[in-house]
Amino acid sequence: MKKLAVSKHFQNQLKKLSRRDREKVTIALKSFWEFLHKGKIPSGLGFKKINGDKYEIRIDIRTRIAMKMDGDTFVCHVVGGHDAIRRYLQDYGGA
């Protein structure tokens, strides 16, 4: 069974978001977790493979979560806009 985890970096980024944005992230991660366990992904989540072992989900029109598959666990590494996701891919391979 697939699992979901968050990195320390992700936790730090999350703390910098507004309360409303943190709530959106929480809702999206709950939806993603349900997908992992039930197999049906909500269309609004926009789950897609970026490259290799990296994936993203959509929080809203501007905000995304980038995650990496580590064994059977999706580890959330970055929450932010398109530029933050691009930097993550450049820094950790794949762009």
Protein backbone atom coordinates (compact mmCIF):
# COMPACT_ATOMS: atom_id res chain seq x y z
CA MET A 1 0.00 0.00 0.00
CA LYS A 2 1.28 3.47 -0.89
CA LYS A 3 2.08 5.95 1.86
CA LEU A 4 2.33 9.72 2.14
CA ALA A 5 5.01 11.65 4.06
CA VAL A 6 6.36 15.20 4.22
CA SER A 7 9.96 16.39 4.37
CA LYS A 8 11.29 18.86 6.92
CA HIS A 9 11.72 21.41 4.11
CA PHE A 10 8.06 20.98 3.16
CA GLN A 11 7.00 21.51 6.78
CA ASN A 12 9.02 24.74 6.93
CA GLN A 13 7.49 26.02 3.68
CA LEU A 14 4.02 25.15 4.94
CA LYS A 15 4.52 27.27 8.06
CA LYS A 16 5.21 30.31 5.85
CA LEU A 17 1.87 30.04 4.04
CA SER A 18 -1.24 31.90 5.09
CA ARG A 19 -3.77 30.04 7.19
CA ARG A 20 -6.12 29.80 4.21
CA ASP A 21 -3.39 28.34 1.99
CA ARG A 22 -2.40 25.83 4.68
CA GLU A 23 -6.04 24.71 4.82
CA LYS A 24 -6.06 24.24 1.02
CA VAL A 25 -2.89 22.16 1.24
CA THR A 26 -4.41 20.02 4.00
CA ILE A 27 -7.54 19.40 1.95
CA ALA A 28 -5.50 18.48 -1.13
CA LEU A 29 -3.26 16.11 0.83
CA LYS A 30 -6.32 14.42 2.37
CA SER A 31 -7.77 13.96 -1.12
CA PHE A 32 -4.47 12.55 -2.34
CA TRP A 33 -4.26 10.18 0.63
CA GLU A 34 -7.79 8.94 -0.13
CA PHE A 35 -6.70 8.36 -3.74
CA LEU A 36 -3.76 6.26 -2.53
CA HIS A 37 -6.11 4.07 -0.50
CA LYS A 38 -9.24 4.00 -2.69
CA GLY A 39 -7.77 4.39 -6.16
CA LYS A 40 -10.04 7.17 -7.44
CA ILE A 41 -8.37 10.55 -7.91
CA PRO A 42 -10.43 13.74 -7.91
CA SER A 43 -10.02 15.52 -11.25
CA GLY A 44 -9.31 18.89 -9.61
CA LEU A 45 -6.20 17.53 -7.92
CA GLY A 46 -4.31 17.42 -11.20
CA PHE A 47 -2.01 14.59 -10.11
CA LYS A 48 0.67 14.05 -12.71
CA LYS A 49 4.15 12.69 -13.17
CA ILE A 50 6.66 15.49 -13.73
CA ASN A 51 9.56 13.21 -14.60
CA GLY A 52 11.31 10.10 -13.34
CA ASP A 53 10.19 9.60 -9.76
CA LYS A 54 8.77 13.12 -9.25
CA TYR A 55 5.09 14.05 -9.24
CA GLU A 56 2.92 17.05 -8.52
CA ILE A 57 -0.59 17.82 -7.35
CA ARG A 58 -2.47 21.07 -7.79
CA ILE A 59 -3.63 23.07 -4.79
CA ASP A 60 -5.10 25.98 -6.72
CA ILE A 61 -4.38 27.87 -9.92
CA ARG A 62 -0.97 29.04 -8.67
CA THR A 63 0.11 26.58 -5.99
CA ARG A 64 1.48 23.06 -6.41
CA ILE A 65 3.03 20.35 -4.28
CA ALA A 66 6.03 18.52 -5.71
CA MET A 67 6.69 15.07 -4.34
CA LYS A 68 9.11 12.25 -4.95
CA MET A 69 8.38 8.55 -4.91
CA ASP A 70 10.66 6.83 -2.40
CA GLY A 71 9.93 3.11 -2.39
CA ASP A 72 6.20 2.89 -1.69
CA THR A 73 6.01 6.38 -0.17
CA PHE A 74 5.22 9.71 -1.81
CA VAL A 75 7.34 12.29 0.04
CA CYS A 76 6.18 15.91 -0.30
CA HIS A 77 9.21 18.18 -0.79
CA VAL A 78 7.99 21.53 -2.11
CA VAL A 79 4.82 23.60 -1.85
CA GLY A 80 4.72 26.72 -3.98
CA GLY A 81 4.23 28.19 -7.41
CA HIS A 82 5.52 27.05 -10.76
CA ASP A 83 8.89 28.74 -10.18
CA ALA A 84 9.41 26.86 -6.90
CA ILE A 85 8.66 23.57 -8.65
CA ARG A 86 11.09 24.41 -11.48
CA ARG A 87 13.84 25.26 -8.96
CA TYR A 88 13.21 21.97 -7.16
CA LEU A 89 13.56 20.04 -10.41
CA GLN A 90 16.75 21.90 -11.35
CA ASP A 91 18.28 21.38 -7.91
CA TYR A 92 17.31 17.72 -7.58
CA GLY A 93 17.48 16.53 -11.16
CA GLY A 94 14.98 16.37 -13.88
CA ALA A 95 14.57 19.79 -15.49
